[in-house]
N, C-alpha and C. Protein backbone atom coordinates (compact mmCIF):
# COMPACT_ATOMS: atom_id res chain seq x y z
N MET A 1 48.71 20.00 50.68
CA MET A 1 50.03 19.83 51.30
C MET A 1 50.16 20.84 52.44
N PRO A 2 50.47 20.37 53.64
CA PRO A 2 50.56 21.29 54.77
C PRO A 2 51.76 22.23 54.65
N ALA A 3 51.62 23.40 55.25
CA ALA A 3 52.70 24.38 55.22
C ALA A 3 53.87 23.91 56.08
N MET A 4 55.01 24.50 55.86
CA MET A 4 56.18 24.21 56.69
C MET A 4 55.81 24.45 58.15
N THR A 5 56.33 23.62 59.00
CA THR A 5 56.06 23.78 60.43
C THR A 5 56.96 24.86 61.02
N TYR A 6 56.59 25.29 62.19
CA TYR A 6 57.38 26.27 62.94
C TYR A 6 58.82 25.76 63.09
N ASP A 7 58.96 24.48 63.48
CA ASP A 7 60.29 23.91 63.69
C ASP A 7 61.08 23.83 62.39
N ALA A 8 60.41 23.49 61.28
CA ALA A 8 61.11 23.40 59.99
C ALA A 8 61.61 24.77 59.55
N ILE A 9 60.80 25.80 59.77
CA ILE A 9 61.24 27.16 59.41
C ILE A 9 62.41 27.57 60.29
N SER A 10 62.32 27.31 61.59
CA SER A 10 63.42 27.64 62.50
C SER A 10 64.70 26.94 62.07
N LYS A 11 64.59 25.68 61.72
CA LYS A 11 65.76 24.90 61.29
C LYS A 11 66.37 25.51 60.03
N HIS A 12 65.52 25.89 59.07
CA HIS A 12 66.02 26.51 57.84
C HIS A 12 66.74 27.83 58.16
N LEU A 13 66.11 28.67 58.97
CA LEU A 13 66.71 29.97 59.30
C LEU A 13 68.05 29.80 59.99
N LEU A 14 68.14 28.85 60.91
CA LEU A 14 69.39 28.64 61.65
C LEU A 14 70.46 27.94 60.81
N SER A 15 70.08 27.38 59.66
CA SER A 15 71.06 26.74 58.77
C SER A 15 71.79 27.77 57.91
N LEU A 16 71.30 29.00 57.88
CA LEU A 16 71.93 30.05 57.07
C LEU A 16 73.21 30.51 57.76
N PRO A 17 74.25 30.87 56.98
CA PRO A 17 75.55 31.22 57.57
C PRO A 17 75.46 32.34 58.62
N GLY A 18 75.99 32.06 59.80
CA GLY A 18 76.05 33.07 60.86
C GLY A 18 74.73 33.39 61.54
N ALA A 19 73.67 32.66 61.22
CA ALA A 19 72.35 32.95 61.79
C ALA A 19 72.28 32.50 63.25
N THR A 20 71.63 33.33 64.07
CA THR A 20 71.43 33.02 65.48
C THR A 20 69.98 33.28 65.85
N LEU A 21 69.57 32.69 66.96
CA LEU A 21 68.21 32.88 67.48
C LEU A 21 68.29 33.65 68.78
N SER A 22 67.44 34.65 68.90
CA SER A 22 67.36 35.45 70.12
C SER A 22 65.89 35.48 70.55
N ILE A 23 65.64 35.23 71.83
CA ILE A 23 64.27 35.31 72.35
C ILE A 23 64.11 36.73 72.91
N GLN A 24 63.19 37.49 72.34
CA GLN A 24 63.02 38.90 72.70
C GLN A 24 61.55 39.24 72.89
N TRP A 25 61.30 40.38 73.48
CA TRP A 25 59.95 40.93 73.61
C TRP A 25 58.98 39.89 74.17
N GLY A 26 59.37 39.31 75.27
CA GLY A 26 58.54 38.27 75.86
C GLY A 26 59.04 36.92 75.40
N ASP A 27 58.44 36.38 74.34
CA ASP A 27 58.83 35.06 73.86
C ASP A 27 58.89 34.99 72.34
N ASP A 28 59.12 36.15 71.68
CA ASP A 28 59.25 36.14 70.22
C ASP A 28 60.60 35.56 69.82
N HIS A 29 60.61 34.78 68.75
CA HIS A 29 61.82 34.17 68.22
C HIS A 29 62.34 35.06 67.09
N ILE A 30 63.47 35.72 67.36
CA ILE A 30 64.05 36.67 66.41
C ILE A 30 65.33 36.07 65.85
N PHE A 31 65.41 36.01 64.54
CA PHE A 31 66.57 35.43 63.87
C PHE A 31 67.45 36.57 63.38
N LYS A 32 68.75 36.44 63.67
CA LYS A 32 69.69 37.52 63.38
C LYS A 32 70.92 36.98 62.66
N VAL A 33 71.59 37.90 61.97
CA VAL A 33 72.90 37.62 61.41
C VAL A 33 73.76 38.83 61.75
N GLY A 34 74.91 38.58 62.37
CA GLY A 34 75.77 39.67 62.79
C GLY A 34 75.09 40.64 63.74
N GLY A 35 74.15 40.14 64.54
CA GLY A 35 73.44 40.97 65.49
C GLY A 35 72.29 41.78 64.91
N LYS A 36 72.03 41.62 63.61
CA LYS A 36 70.95 42.35 62.93
C LYS A 36 69.81 41.40 62.59
N MET A 37 68.58 41.82 62.87
CA MET A 37 67.41 40.98 62.61
C MET A 37 67.16 40.80 61.11
N PHE A 38 66.75 39.58 60.74
CA PHE A 38 66.31 39.37 59.36
C PHE A 38 64.97 38.63 59.29
N ALA A 39 64.52 38.03 60.39
CA ALA A 39 63.21 37.36 60.42
C ALA A 39 62.77 37.20 61.86
N GLY A 40 61.46 37.06 62.04
CA GLY A 40 60.94 36.85 63.38
C GLY A 40 59.61 36.13 63.37
N MET A 41 59.40 35.32 64.40
CA MET A 41 58.13 34.61 64.59
C MET A 41 57.70 34.78 66.04
N GLY A 42 56.43 34.63 66.28
CA GLY A 42 55.91 34.68 67.65
C GLY A 42 56.40 33.47 68.43
N PRO A 43 55.93 33.34 69.66
CA PRO A 43 56.35 32.21 70.49
C PRO A 43 56.03 30.87 69.83
N LYS A 44 56.88 29.89 70.11
CA LYS A 44 56.64 28.55 69.59
C LYS A 44 55.36 28.00 70.23
N PRO A 45 54.45 27.47 69.40
CA PRO A 45 53.20 26.93 69.96
C PRO A 45 53.47 25.75 70.88
N LYS A 46 52.73 25.68 71.97
CA LYS A 46 52.83 24.55 72.91
C LYS A 46 52.16 23.34 72.27
N LYS A 47 52.63 22.15 72.62
CA LYS A 47 52.04 20.92 72.06
C LYS A 47 50.56 20.87 72.36
N GLY A 48 49.77 20.62 71.34
CA GLY A 48 48.33 20.47 71.49
C GLY A 48 47.56 21.77 71.58
N ALA A 49 48.26 22.88 71.68
CA ALA A 49 47.58 24.18 71.77
C ALA A 49 47.59 24.87 70.41
N ALA A 50 46.56 25.63 70.17
CA ALA A 50 46.51 26.41 68.94
C ALA A 50 47.51 27.56 69.07
N PRO A 51 48.25 27.84 67.99
CA PRO A 51 49.23 28.93 68.08
C PRO A 51 48.55 30.27 68.27
N ALA A 52 49.14 31.09 69.14
CA ALA A 52 48.58 32.42 69.38
C ALA A 52 48.74 33.29 68.14
N ARG A 53 49.88 33.13 67.49
CA ARG A 53 50.17 33.90 66.29
C ARG A 53 50.99 33.00 65.38
N ASP A 54 50.42 32.56 64.30
CA ASP A 54 51.04 31.57 63.43
C ASP A 54 51.68 32.22 62.20
N GLY A 55 52.22 33.42 62.35
CA GLY A 55 52.80 34.10 61.20
C GLY A 55 54.29 34.28 61.32
N ILE A 56 54.82 35.01 60.35
CA ILE A 56 56.26 35.29 60.32
C ILE A 56 56.45 36.64 59.66
N SER A 57 57.48 37.34 60.07
CA SER A 57 57.86 38.61 59.46
C SER A 57 59.30 38.51 59.00
N PHE A 58 59.63 39.21 57.92
CA PHE A 58 61.00 39.18 57.42
C PHE A 58 61.31 40.38 56.55
N LYS A 59 62.58 40.65 56.39
CA LYS A 59 63.08 41.75 55.57
C LYS A 59 62.91 41.37 54.10
N ALA A 60 62.54 42.36 53.29
CA ALA A 60 62.38 42.14 51.85
C ALA A 60 63.11 43.25 51.10
N ASP A 61 63.37 43.01 49.81
CA ASP A 61 63.93 44.08 48.98
C ASP A 61 62.77 44.93 48.45
N ASP A 62 63.09 46.02 47.78
CA ASP A 62 62.07 46.96 47.30
C ASP A 62 60.98 46.28 46.47
N VAL A 63 61.40 45.53 45.48
CA VAL A 63 60.44 44.90 44.56
C VAL A 63 59.58 43.88 45.29
N SER A 64 60.21 43.02 46.07
CA SER A 64 59.47 41.98 46.80
C SER A 64 58.51 42.59 47.81
N PHE A 65 58.92 43.66 48.47
CA PHE A 65 58.06 44.31 49.45
C PHE A 65 56.75 44.75 48.80
N HIS A 66 56.85 45.41 47.66
CA HIS A 66 55.64 45.89 46.97
C HIS A 66 54.82 44.75 46.39
N MET A 67 55.50 43.75 45.86
CA MET A 67 54.80 42.61 45.29
C MET A 67 54.09 41.80 46.38
N LEU A 68 54.78 41.52 47.47
CA LEU A 68 54.21 40.70 48.53
C LEU A 68 53.06 41.40 49.24
N THR A 69 53.18 42.70 49.49
CA THR A 69 52.14 43.40 50.24
C THR A 69 50.88 43.63 49.41
N ASN A 70 50.90 43.24 48.16
CA ASN A 70 49.69 43.26 47.34
C ASN A 70 48.96 41.92 47.38
N LYS A 71 49.51 40.95 48.11
CA LYS A 71 48.88 39.63 48.23
C LYS A 71 48.03 39.59 49.51
N ARG A 72 46.99 38.81 49.45
CA ARG A 72 46.11 38.63 50.60
C ARG A 72 46.88 38.01 51.77
N GLY A 73 46.69 38.56 52.97
CA GLY A 73 47.30 38.00 54.16
C GLY A 73 48.75 38.41 54.39
N ILE A 74 49.27 39.29 53.52
CA ILE A 74 50.64 39.77 53.68
C ILE A 74 50.59 41.29 53.74
N THR A 75 51.11 41.84 54.83
CA THR A 75 51.04 43.28 55.06
C THR A 75 52.41 43.84 55.41
N PRO A 76 52.57 45.15 55.31
CA PRO A 76 53.80 45.75 55.83
C PRO A 76 53.88 45.43 57.33
N ALA A 77 55.04 45.04 57.80
CA ALA A 77 55.19 44.65 59.20
C ALA A 77 55.08 45.86 60.12
N LYS A 78 54.34 45.68 61.19
CA LYS A 78 54.16 46.73 62.19
C LYS A 78 55.52 47.16 62.72
N TYR A 79 55.76 48.44 62.80
CA TYR A 79 56.99 49.07 63.29
C TYR A 79 58.18 48.93 62.35
N LEU A 80 58.15 47.99 61.42
CA LEU A 80 59.31 47.77 60.56
C LEU A 80 59.01 47.97 59.07
N ALA A 81 57.82 48.46 58.75
CA ALA A 81 57.45 48.65 57.35
C ALA A 81 58.40 49.62 56.64
N ARG A 82 58.83 50.66 57.35
CA ARG A 82 59.72 51.64 56.70
C ARG A 82 61.07 51.01 56.34
N ALA A 83 61.41 49.91 57.01
CA ALA A 83 62.64 49.17 56.70
C ALA A 83 62.34 48.02 55.72
N GLN A 84 61.14 48.04 55.16
CA GLN A 84 60.68 47.08 54.16
C GLN A 84 60.63 45.65 54.67
N TRP A 85 59.98 45.50 55.81
CA TRP A 85 59.68 44.19 56.34
C TRP A 85 58.23 43.88 56.01
N VAL A 86 57.96 42.60 55.75
CA VAL A 86 56.59 42.15 55.50
C VAL A 86 56.19 41.18 56.60
N SER A 87 54.88 41.06 56.79
CA SER A 87 54.34 40.17 57.81
C SER A 87 53.30 39.25 57.17
N LEU A 88 53.50 37.95 57.31
CA LEU A 88 52.54 36.97 56.82
C LEU A 88 51.64 36.56 57.97
N ASP A 89 50.34 36.55 57.75
CA ASP A 89 49.40 36.23 58.83
C ASP A 89 49.45 34.77 59.25
N ARG A 90 49.97 33.91 58.38
CA ARG A 90 50.12 32.49 58.72
C ARG A 90 51.26 31.91 57.90
N LEU A 91 51.86 30.85 58.43
CA LEU A 91 53.03 30.27 57.80
C LEU A 91 52.73 29.72 56.41
N GLY A 92 51.53 29.25 56.18
CA GLY A 92 51.18 28.68 54.89
C GLY A 92 50.73 29.70 53.84
N ARG A 93 50.93 30.97 54.09
CA ARG A 93 50.47 32.00 53.15
C ARG A 93 51.20 31.90 51.80
N LEU A 94 52.45 31.47 51.80
CA LEU A 94 53.23 31.27 50.57
C LEU A 94 53.60 29.79 50.46
N PRO A 95 53.78 29.29 49.24
CA PRO A 95 54.27 27.91 49.10
C PRO A 95 55.63 27.78 49.79
N ASP A 96 55.92 26.61 50.33
CA ASP A 96 57.15 26.37 51.08
C ASP A 96 58.41 26.82 50.35
N THR A 97 58.52 26.48 49.06
CA THR A 97 59.73 26.84 48.32
C THR A 97 59.88 28.36 48.21
N GLN A 98 58.76 29.06 48.01
CA GLN A 98 58.83 30.53 47.94
C GLN A 98 59.20 31.12 49.30
N LEU A 99 58.58 30.62 50.36
CA LEU A 99 58.86 31.13 51.69
C LEU A 99 60.34 30.94 52.03
N LYS A 100 60.87 29.75 51.77
CA LYS A 100 62.29 29.50 52.03
C LYS A 100 63.17 30.44 51.23
N ALA A 101 62.81 30.69 49.97
CA ALA A 101 63.60 31.59 49.12
C ALA A 101 63.57 33.02 49.67
N TYR A 102 62.39 33.49 50.08
CA TYR A 102 62.29 34.84 50.65
C TYR A 102 63.08 34.95 51.95
N LEU A 103 63.04 33.92 52.78
CA LEU A 103 63.77 33.95 54.04
C LEU A 103 65.28 33.91 53.80
N THR A 104 65.71 33.14 52.83
CA THR A 104 67.13 33.10 52.47
C THR A 104 67.57 34.46 51.94
N ARG A 105 66.70 35.08 51.14
CA ARG A 105 66.99 36.41 50.60
C ARG A 105 67.03 37.45 51.72
N ALA A 106 66.14 37.35 52.71
CA ALA A 106 66.14 38.28 53.84
C ALA A 106 67.49 38.22 54.56
N HIS A 107 67.98 37.01 54.77
CA HIS A 107 69.29 36.82 55.40
C HIS A 107 70.37 37.48 54.56
N ALA A 108 70.35 37.26 53.24
CA ALA A 108 71.37 37.81 52.35
C ALA A 108 71.35 39.34 52.34
N ILE A 109 70.14 39.93 52.34
CA ILE A 109 70.02 41.39 52.34
C ILE A 109 70.67 41.98 53.59
N VAL A 110 70.34 41.42 54.74
CA VAL A 110 70.88 41.93 56.00
C VAL A 110 72.38 41.66 56.09
N ALA A 111 72.80 40.47 55.70
CA ALA A 111 74.23 40.12 55.75
C ALA A 111 75.05 41.04 54.84
N ALA A 112 74.50 41.43 53.70
CA ALA A 112 75.22 42.30 52.77
C ALA A 112 75.51 43.67 53.39
N GLY A 113 74.71 44.08 54.36
CA GLY A 113 74.92 45.37 55.02
C GLY A 113 75.94 45.32 56.15
N LEU A 114 76.41 44.15 56.48
CA LEU A 114 77.41 44.01 57.56
C LEU A 114 78.80 44.36 57.02
N PRO A 115 79.69 44.80 57.91
CA PRO A 115 81.07 45.05 57.48
C PRO A 115 81.71 43.77 56.93
N ARG A 116 82.60 43.94 55.98
CA ARG A 116 83.26 42.80 55.33
C ARG A 116 83.93 41.87 56.35
N LYS A 117 84.59 42.45 57.35
CA LYS A 117 85.26 41.63 58.38
C LYS A 117 84.24 40.78 59.14
N THR A 118 83.10 41.35 59.45
CA THR A 118 82.05 40.62 60.16
C THR A 118 81.53 39.48 59.31
N ARG A 119 81.28 39.77 58.02
CA ARG A 119 80.80 38.72 57.11
C ARG A 119 81.82 37.58 57.04
N ALA A 120 83.09 37.93 56.92
CA ALA A 120 84.14 36.91 56.84
C ALA A 120 84.18 36.08 58.12
N ALA A 121 84.07 36.74 59.28
CA ALA A 121 84.11 36.02 60.55
C ALA A 121 82.92 35.07 60.69
N LEU A 122 81.80 35.41 60.07
CA LEU A 122 80.60 34.57 60.14
C LEU A 122 80.58 33.50 59.05
N GLY A 123 81.58 33.49 58.19
CA GLY A 123 81.66 32.49 57.12
C GLY A 123 80.76 32.82 55.94
N ILE A 124 80.42 34.10 55.81
CA ILE A 124 79.57 34.52 54.68
C ILE A 124 80.47 34.97 53.55
N VAL A 125 80.38 34.27 52.44
CA VAL A 125 81.21 34.53 51.29
C VAL A 125 80.55 35.60 50.42
N ASP A 126 81.31 36.62 50.07
CA ASP A 126 80.78 37.66 49.18
C ASP A 126 80.63 37.11 47.77
N ALA A 127 79.57 37.53 47.11
CA ALA A 127 79.36 37.12 45.72
C ALA A 127 80.41 37.80 44.85
N PRO A 128 80.88 37.10 43.81
CA PRO A 128 81.92 37.68 42.94
C PRO A 128 81.39 38.85 42.14
C-alpha cells in the first residue's frame, strides 16, 4: 500500500483547527497554528520529477520523541531537536494512520501552548 501523498498530508494538516501554510526558507512548506510551527515538509515535488526531499518533520511529546527516534529513518530534527521535533526521511516511514495521528498530536501540542484567547479565536476547543 503506497504511503500518503504530499497533497494528502497537506490536506490533512490544513484540516486541523486554525492551521495555516507558510512558504519559508526558499520553498519549504511550514504548517502553523496561531503563528507557531507544528510540521514542515520540503518543496512540493514537480510533476514527473523525483522529490528532492520526500520527508516530513513535526513536533512530538517527550515519550513519542524518544520512541520515534529509536526507529530506522527517524531522527531528531536538525535545529529543532531540543524542542523535540522529529524528522522522517520519507513520507512512508510510518503507516498512514500513525503518521496522521502524530501530525494531529503535533498540532494539539503546539495549540495547547497558545493563549486561551488565541485558541478560542482559532476555534480550538479546550479539552474538559
